[in-house]
Amino acid sequence: MIFLFALPFKLNSIKFDKIPQLHTNYSMDAYKTIENMMAIKYTKQTTTRKAIGDFMLSDDHAVNVKSNNVDKQNYSPNMISIKKMHEWVYEQKKNLSFIFVDYKEDGSDIIILNESEPIPMEQISWNCLSIEAQGYGVIQKVKTLEVNQKLTKKDFYEGFLSAYEKYRNKEIRKHEKFSERFIKDVFLINW
């Protein structure tokens, strides 16, 4: 079954009897609905919450869908954990792409305003990314998306190493500053 989405796209215009995935999950959050819509567009099933991608284009190509409600302020959305990214792309030598979707809600309708094709991770410039504190670190989109189709996995990794060094140094300074508050003489703890 192939679904073609015209933009803007209204969720309620889908015939739910033809798409049981969406019919049974109609009350889900908008981001989950959009993930389902993108998976259906590429004739794929969504994955579990812990999976590397929201759906798989193939056994070695995961796709993450990043949705943005244009009526809300989304501050630096998380893209992926650096640990998961490193293991999947650089240790297991697999592929990871992102689809970026801008949408708005109109009552019970989700209206897709813009969507990208799957963008290989390595083509996303580090000029718009940063590594921030969460677990081992998480890649966030901190500026307007910047894509360069000439970038390779090697280019992305060089940018990652530089961003990771900045992240580590920031974390070290943060912990050093916090540790200045520690009580140096534990015998003073007597309350």
C-alpha atoms as a PDB file:
ATOM      1  CA  MET A   1       0.000   0.000   0.000  1.00  0.00           C
ATOM      2  CA  ILE A   2       1.488   3.399  -0.980  1.00  0.00           C
ATOM      3  CA  PHE A   3       0.395   6.680   0.586  1.00  0.00           C
ATOM      4  CA  LEU A   4       1.134  10.019  -1.010  1.00  0.00           C
ATOM      5  CA  PHE A   5       1.014  13.032   1.275  1.00  0.00           C
ATOM      6  CA  ALA A   6       0.153  16.418  -0.140  1.00  0.00           C
ATOM      7  CA  LEU A   7       1.283  19.431   1.862  1.00  0.00           C
ATOM      8  CA  PRO A   8      -0.353  20.632   3.982  1.00  0.00           C
ATOM      9  CA  PHE A   9      -1.603  17.223   5.028  1.00  0.00           C
ATOM     10  CA  LYS A  10      -4.553  16.758   7.401  1.00  0.00           C
ATOM     11  CA  LEU A  11      -4.486  13.650   9.548  1.00  0.00           C
ATOM     12  CA  ASN A  12      -8.274  13.359   9.562  1.00  0.00           C
ATOM     13  CA  SER A  13      -8.265  13.094   5.768  1.00  0.00           C
ATOM     14  CA  ILE A  14      -6.781   9.577   6.039  1.00  0.00           C
ATOM     15  CA  LYS A  15      -9.300   6.750   5.793  1.00  0.00           C
ATOM     16  CA  PHE A  16      -8.527   4.962   9.031  1.00  0.00           C
ATOM     17  CA  ASP A  17     -10.005   1.646   7.911  1.00  0.00           C
ATOM     18  CA  LYS A  18      -7.154   1.481   5.358  1.00  0.00           C
ATOM     19  CA  ILE A  19      -4.428   2.204   7.957  1.00  0.00           C
ATOM     20  CA  PRO A  20      -5.035   0.116  11.081  1.00  0.00           C
ATOM     21  CA  GLN A  21      -1.843   1.409  12.724  1.00  0.00           C
ATOM     22  CA  LEU A  22      -3.201   4.942  12.874  1.00  0.00           C
ATOM     23  CA  HIS A  23      -6.766   3.882  13.574  1.00  0.00           C
ATOM     24  CA  THR A  24      -5.843   1.984  16.726  1.00  0.00           C
ATOM     25  CA  ASN A  25      -3.492   4.699  17.973  1.00  0.00           C
ATOM     26  CA  TYR A  26      -5.476   7.811  17.070  1.00  0.00           C
ATOM     27  CA  SER A  27      -5.307   9.186  20.634  1.00  0.00           C
ATOM     28  CA  MET A  28      -1.491   9.036  20.749  1.00  0.00           C
ATOM     29  CA  ASP A  29       0.706  12.120  21.045  1.00  0.00           C
ATOM     30  CA  ALA A  30       1.283  14.170  17.907  1.00  0.00           C
ATOM     31  CA  TYR A  31       4.960  13.193  17.644  1.00  0.00           C
ATOM     32  CA  LYS A  32       4.082   9.487  17.763  1.00  0.00           C
ATOM     33  CA  THR A  33       1.341   9.991  15.169  1.00  0.00           C
ATOM     34  CA  ILE A  34       3.845  11.751  12.891  1.00  0.00           C
ATOM     35  CA  GLU A  35       6.370   8.928  13.361  1.00  0.00           C
ATOM     36  CA  ASN A  36       3.638   6.491  12.288  1.00  0.00           C
ATOM     37  CA  MET A  37       2.729   8.656   9.297  1.00  0.00           C
ATOM     38  CA  MET A  38       6.350   8.755   8.102  1.00  0.00           C
ATOM     39  CA  ALA A  39       6.797   5.003   8.577  1.00  0.00           C
ATOM     40  CA  ILE A  40       3.641   4.382   6.549  1.00  0.00           C
ATOM     41  CA  LYS A  41       4.840   6.770   3.840  1.00  0.00           C
ATOM     42  CA  TYR A  42       7.969   4.613   3.456  1.00  0.00           C
ATOM     43  CA  THR A  43       5.870   1.411   3.823  1.00  0.00           C
ATOM     44  CA  LYS A  44       7.639   0.450   7.063  1.00  0.00           C
ATOM     45  CA  GLN A  45       6.566  -0.427  10.593  1.00  0.00           C
ATOM     46  CA  THR A  46       7.574   1.715  13.570  1.00  0.00           C
ATOM     47  CA  THR A  47      10.063   0.262  16.038  1.00  0.00           C
ATOM     48  CA  THR A  48      10.064   0.025  19.820  1.00  0.00           C
ATOM     49  CA  ARG A  49      10.845   2.999  22.043  1.00  0.00           C
ATOM     50  CA  LYS A  50      14.358   1.719  22.833  1.00  0.00           C
ATOM     51  CA  ALA A  51      15.282   1.104  19.178  1.00  0.00           C
ATOM     52  CA  ILE A  52      17.902   3.205  17.405  1.00  0.00           C
ATOM     53  CA  GLY A  53      15.338   4.595  14.947  1.00  0.00           C
ATOM     54  CA  ASP A  54      11.616   5.287  14.745  1.00  0.00           C
ATOM     55  CA  PHE A  55      11.539   2.955  11.747  1.00  0.00           C
ATOM     56  CA  MET A  56      14.007   0.979   9.669  1.00  0.00           C
ATOM     57  CA  LEU A  57      14.535   1.490   5.941  1.00  0.00           C
ATOM     58  CA  SER A  58      16.543  -1.751   6.004  1.00  0.00           C
ATOM     59  CA  ASP A  59      18.217  -3.958   8.623  1.00  0.00           C
ATOM     60  CA  ASP A  60      21.194  -1.610   8.697  1.00  0.00           C
ATOM     61  CA  HIS A  61      19.499   1.769   8.070  1.00  0.00           C
ATOM     62  CA  ALA A  62      17.567   3.393  10.932  1.00  0.00           C
ATOM     63  CA  VAL A  63      15.478   6.559  10.523  1.00  0.00           C
ATOM     64  CA  ASN A  64      14.625   8.983  13.323  1.00  0.00           C
ATOM     65  CA  VAL A  65      11.700  11.350  12.828  1.00  0.00           C
ATOM     66  CA  LYS A  66      12.096  14.750  14.495  1.00  0.00           C
ATOM     67  CA  SER A  67       8.832  16.659  14.639  1.00  0.00           C
ATOM     68  CA  ASN A  68       8.436  20.329  15.468  1.00  0.00           C
ATOM     69  CA  ASN A  69       5.136  21.975  16.386  1.00  0.00           C
ATOM     70  CA  VAL A  70       5.561  25.453  14.842  1.00  0.00           C
ATOM     71  CA  ASP A  71       3.089  26.932  17.332  1.00  0.00           C
ATOM     72  CA  LYS A  72       5.329  26.021  20.285  1.00  0.00           C
ATOM     73  CA  GLN A  73       8.878  26.974  21.169  1.00  0.00           C
ATOM     74  CA  ASN A  74      11.053  23.891  20.885  1.00  0.00           C
ATOM     75  CA  TYR A  75      14.352  24.530  22.587  1.00  0.00           C
ATOM     76  CA  SER A  76      17.218  22.509  21.153  1.00  0.00           C
ATOM     77  CA  PRO A  77      15.463  19.214  20.437  1.00  0.00           C
ATOM     78  CA  ASN A  78      17.368  16.040  21.251  1.00  0.00           C
ATOM     79  CA  MET A  79      18.430  14.144  18.143  1.00  0.00           C
ATOM     80  CA  ILE A  80      20.131  11.062  19.570  1.00  0.00           C
ATOM     81  CA  SER A  81      22.290   9.836  22.431  1.00  0.00           C
ATOM     82  CA  ILE A  82      25.973   9.951  21.482  1.00  0.00           C
ATOM     83  CA  LYS A  83      26.416   6.439  22.867  1.00  0.00           C
ATOM     84  CA  LYS A  84      23.647   4.996  20.649  1.00  0.00           C
ATOM     85  CA  MET A  85      24.877   6.961  17.628  1.00  0.00           C
ATOM     86  CA  HIS A  86      28.479   5.840  18.127  1.00  0.00           C
ATOM     87  CA  GLU A  87      27.581   2.193  18.627  1.00  0.00           C
ATOM     88  CA  TRP A  88      25.216   2.039  15.618  1.00  0.00           C
ATOM     89  CA  VAL A  89      27.119   4.117  13.065  1.00  0.00           C
ATOM     90  CA  TYR A  90      30.785   3.846  13.997  1.00  0.00           C
ATOM     91  CA  GLU A  91      31.070   0.513  15.808  1.00  0.00           C
ATOM     92  CA  GLN A  92      28.450  -1.532  13.937  1.00  0.00           C
ATOM     93  CA  LYS A  93      29.045   0.433  10.684  1.00  0.00           C
ATOM     94  CA  LYS A  94      25.356   0.985   9.960  1.00  0.00           C
ATOM     95  CA  ASN A  95      23.398   3.978   8.637  1.00  0.00           C
ATOM     96  CA  LEU A  96      21.286   6.547  10.447  1.00  0.00           C
ATOM     97  CA  SER A  97      19.072   9.185   8.831  1.00  0.00           C
ATOM     98  CA  PHE A  98      16.742  11.858  10.134  1.00  0.00           C
ATOM     99  CA  ILE A  99      13.446  13.175   8.815  1.00  0.00           C
ATOM    100  CA  PHE A 100      12.506  16.673  10.013  1.00  0.00           C
ATOM    101  CA  VAL A 101       8.795  17.503  10.112  1.00  0.00           C
ATOM    102  CA  ASP A 102       7.197  20.884  10.871  1.00  0.00           C
ATOM    103  CA  TYR A 103       3.534  20.645  11.783  1.00  0.00           C
ATOM    104  CA  LYS A 104       0.732  22.399  13.574  1.00  0.00           C
ATOM    105  CA  GLU A 105      -2.369  21.158  15.298  1.00  0.00           C
ATOM    106  CA  ASP A 106      -5.853  22.303  14.333  1.00  0.00           C
ATOM    107  CA  GLY A 107      -8.258  20.722  16.787  1.00  0.00           C
ATOM    108  CA  SER A 108      -7.832  16.996  16.275  1.00  0.00           C
ATOM    109  CA  ASP A 109      -6.028  17.507  12.945  1.00  0.00           C
ATOM    110  CA  ILE A 110      -2.276  17.370  12.546  1.00  0.00           C
ATOM    111  CA  ILE A 111      -1.272  19.485   9.578  1.00  0.00           C
ATOM    112  CA  ILE A 112       2.148  18.721   8.103  1.00  0.00           C
ATOM    113  CA  LEU A 113       3.653  21.979   6.854  1.00  0.00           C
ATOM    114  CA  ASN A 114       7.112  20.775   5.797  1.00  0.00           C
ATOM    115  CA  GLU A 115       8.948  17.492   5.838  1.00  0.00           C
ATOM    116  CA  SER A 116      12.387  16.511   4.669  1.00  0.00           C
ATOM    117  CA  GLU A 117      13.398  13.369   2.892  1.00  0.00           C
ATOM    118  CA  PRO A 118      15.580  11.090   5.053  1.00  0.00           C
ATOM    119  CA  ILE A 119      18.835  13.009   5.591  1.00  0.00           C
ATOM    120  CA  PRO A 120      21.903  10.864   6.326  1.00  0.00           C
ATOM    121  CA  MET A 121      23.293  11.842   9.724  1.00  0.00           C
ATOM    122  CA  GLU A 122      26.723  12.603   8.301  1.00  0.00           C
ATOM    123  CA  GLN A 123      25.271  15.294   6.002  1.00  0.00           C
ATOM    124  CA  ILE A 124      24.063  17.349   8.985  1.00  0.00           C
ATOM    125  CA  SER A 125      26.651  20.003   9.777  1.00  0.00           C
ATOM    126  CA  TRP A 126      28.031  20.388  13.288  1.00  0.00           C
ATOM    127  CA  ASN A 127      27.404  24.141  12.797  1.00  0.00           C
ATOM    128  CA  CYS A 128      23.818  23.458  13.901  1.00  0.00           C
ATOM    129  CA  LEU A 129      24.528  20.688  16.432  1.00  0.00           C
ATOM    130  CA  SER A 130      25.882  20.484  19.953  1.00  0.00           C
ATOM    131  CA  ILE A 131      26.448  17.786  22.562  1.00  0.00           C
ATOM    132  CA  GLU A 132      24.647  18.476  25.816  1.00  0.00           C
ATOM    133  CA  ALA A 133      24.433  16.782  29.212  1.00  0.00           C
ATOM    134  CA  GLN A 134      22.113  13.802  29.412  1.00  0.00           C
ATOM    135  CA  GLY A 135      23.451  10.325  30.075  1.00  0.00           C
ATOM    136  CA  TYR A 136      26.739   9.996  28.185  1.00  0.00           C
ATOM    137  CA  GLY A 137      25.728  13.087  26.211  1.00  0.00           C
ATOM    138  CA  VAL A 138      23.044  13.816  23.647  1.00  0.00           C
ATOM    139  CA  ILE A 139      23.293  15.475  20.247  1.00  0.00           C
ATOM    140  CA  GLN A 140      20.933  18.442  20.024  1.00  0.00           C
ATOM    141  CA  LYS A 141      19.959  20.627  17.087  1.00  0.00           C
ATOM    142  CA  VAL A 142      20.723  24.081  18.492  1.00  0.00           C
ATOM    143  CA  LYS A 143      20.436  26.171  15.322  1.00  0.00           C
ATOM    144  CA  THR A 144      18.607  26.095  12.003  1.00  0.00           C
ATOM    145  CA  LEU A 145      19.222  22.811  10.205  1.00  0.00           C
ATOM    146  CA  GLU A 146      22.291  22.947   7.957  1.00  0.00           C
ATOM    147  CA  VAL A 147      22.740  20.105   5.467  1.00  0.00           C
ATOM    148  CA  ASN A 148      25.764  19.535   3.235  1.00  0.00           C
ATOM    149  CA  GLN A 149      25.473  16.536   0.914  1.00  0.00           C
ATOM    150  CA  LYS A 150      29.253  16.462   0.408  1.00  0.00           C
ATOM    151  CA  LEU A 151      29.957  15.588   4.056  1.00  0.00           C
ATOM    152  CA  THR A 152      31.032  12.020   4.813  1.00  0.00           C
ATOM    153  CA  LYS A 153      30.904   9.863   7.937  1.00  0.00           C
ATOM    154  CA  LYS A 154      34.578  10.762   8.445  1.00  0.00           C
ATOM    155  CA  ASP A 155      33.734  14.501   8.310  1.00  0.00           C
ATOM    156  CA  PHE A 156      30.888  14.011  10.770  1.00  0.00           C
ATOM    157  CA  TYR A 157      33.173  12.055  13.122  1.00  0.00           C
ATOM    158  CA  GLU A 158      35.797  14.792  13.092  1.00  0.00           C
ATOM    159  CA  GLY A 159      33.074  17.288  14.051  1.00  0.00           C
ATOM    160  CA  PHE A 160      31.815  14.875  16.701  1.00  0.00           C
ATOM    161  CA  LEU A 161      35.273  14.571  18.284  1.00  0.00           C
ATOM    162  CA  SER A 162      35.588  18.358  18.479  1.00  0.00           C
ATOM    163  CA  ALA A 163      32.066  18.759  19.919  1.00  0.00           C
ATOM    164  CA  TYR A 164      32.698  15.940  22.394  1.00  0.00           C
ATOM    165  CA  GLU A 165      35.873  17.593  23.652  1.00  0.00           C
ATOM    166  CA  LYS A 166      33.935  20.849  24.267  1.00  0.00           C
ATOM    167  CA  TYR A 167      31.198  18.878  26.034  1.00  0.00           C
ATOM    168  CA  ARG A 168      33.683  17.013  28.266  1.00  0.00           C
ATOM    169  CA  ASN A 169      35.505  20.224  29.205  1.00  0.00           C
ATOM    170  CA  LYS A 170      32.200  21.924  30.084  1.00  0.00           C
ATOM    171  CA  GLU A 171      31.171  18.930  32.216  1.00  0.00           C
ATOM    172  CA  ILE A 172      34.551  18.876  33.993  1.00  0.00           C
ATOM    173  CA  ARG A 173      34.258  22.600  34.820  1.00  0.00           C
ATOM    174  CA  LYS A 174      30.690  22.100  36.049  1.00  0.00           C
ATOM    175  CA  HIS A 175      31.730  19.259  38.374  1.00  0.00           C
ATOM    176  CA  GLU A 176      34.813  21.100  39.596  1.00  0.00           C
ATOM    177  CA  LYS A 177      32.665  24.123  40.465  1.00  0.00           C
ATOM    178  CA  PHE A 178      30.134  21.944  42.286  1.00  0.00           C
ATOM    179  CA  SER A 179      32.860  20.065  44.195  1.00  0.00           C
ATOM    180  CA  GLU A 180      34.115  23.395  45.617  1.00  0.00           C
ATOM    181  CA  ARG A 181      31.009  23.292  47.835  1.00  0.00           C
ATOM    182  CA  PHE A 182      31.974  19.939  49.367  1.00  0.00           C
ATOM    183  CA  ILE A 183      32.808  19.816  53.060  1.00  0.00           C
ATOM    184  CA  LYS A 184      36.533  19.114  53.208  1.00  0.00           C
ATOM    185  CA  ASP A 185      36.663  17.983  56.839  1.00  0.00           C
ATOM    186  CA  VAL A 186      34.042  15.270  57.383  1.00  0.00           C
ATOM    187  CA  PHE A 187      34.507  15.617  61.179  1.00  0.00           C
ATOM    188  CA  LEU A 188      32.647  18.938  60.870  1.00  0.00           C
ATOM    189  CA  ILE A 189      29.492  17.014  60.017  1.00  0.00           C
ATOM    190  CA  ASN A 190      28.004  16.650  63.453  1.00  0.00           C
ATOM    191  CA  TRP A 191      24.353  17.622  63.275  1.00  0.00           C
END
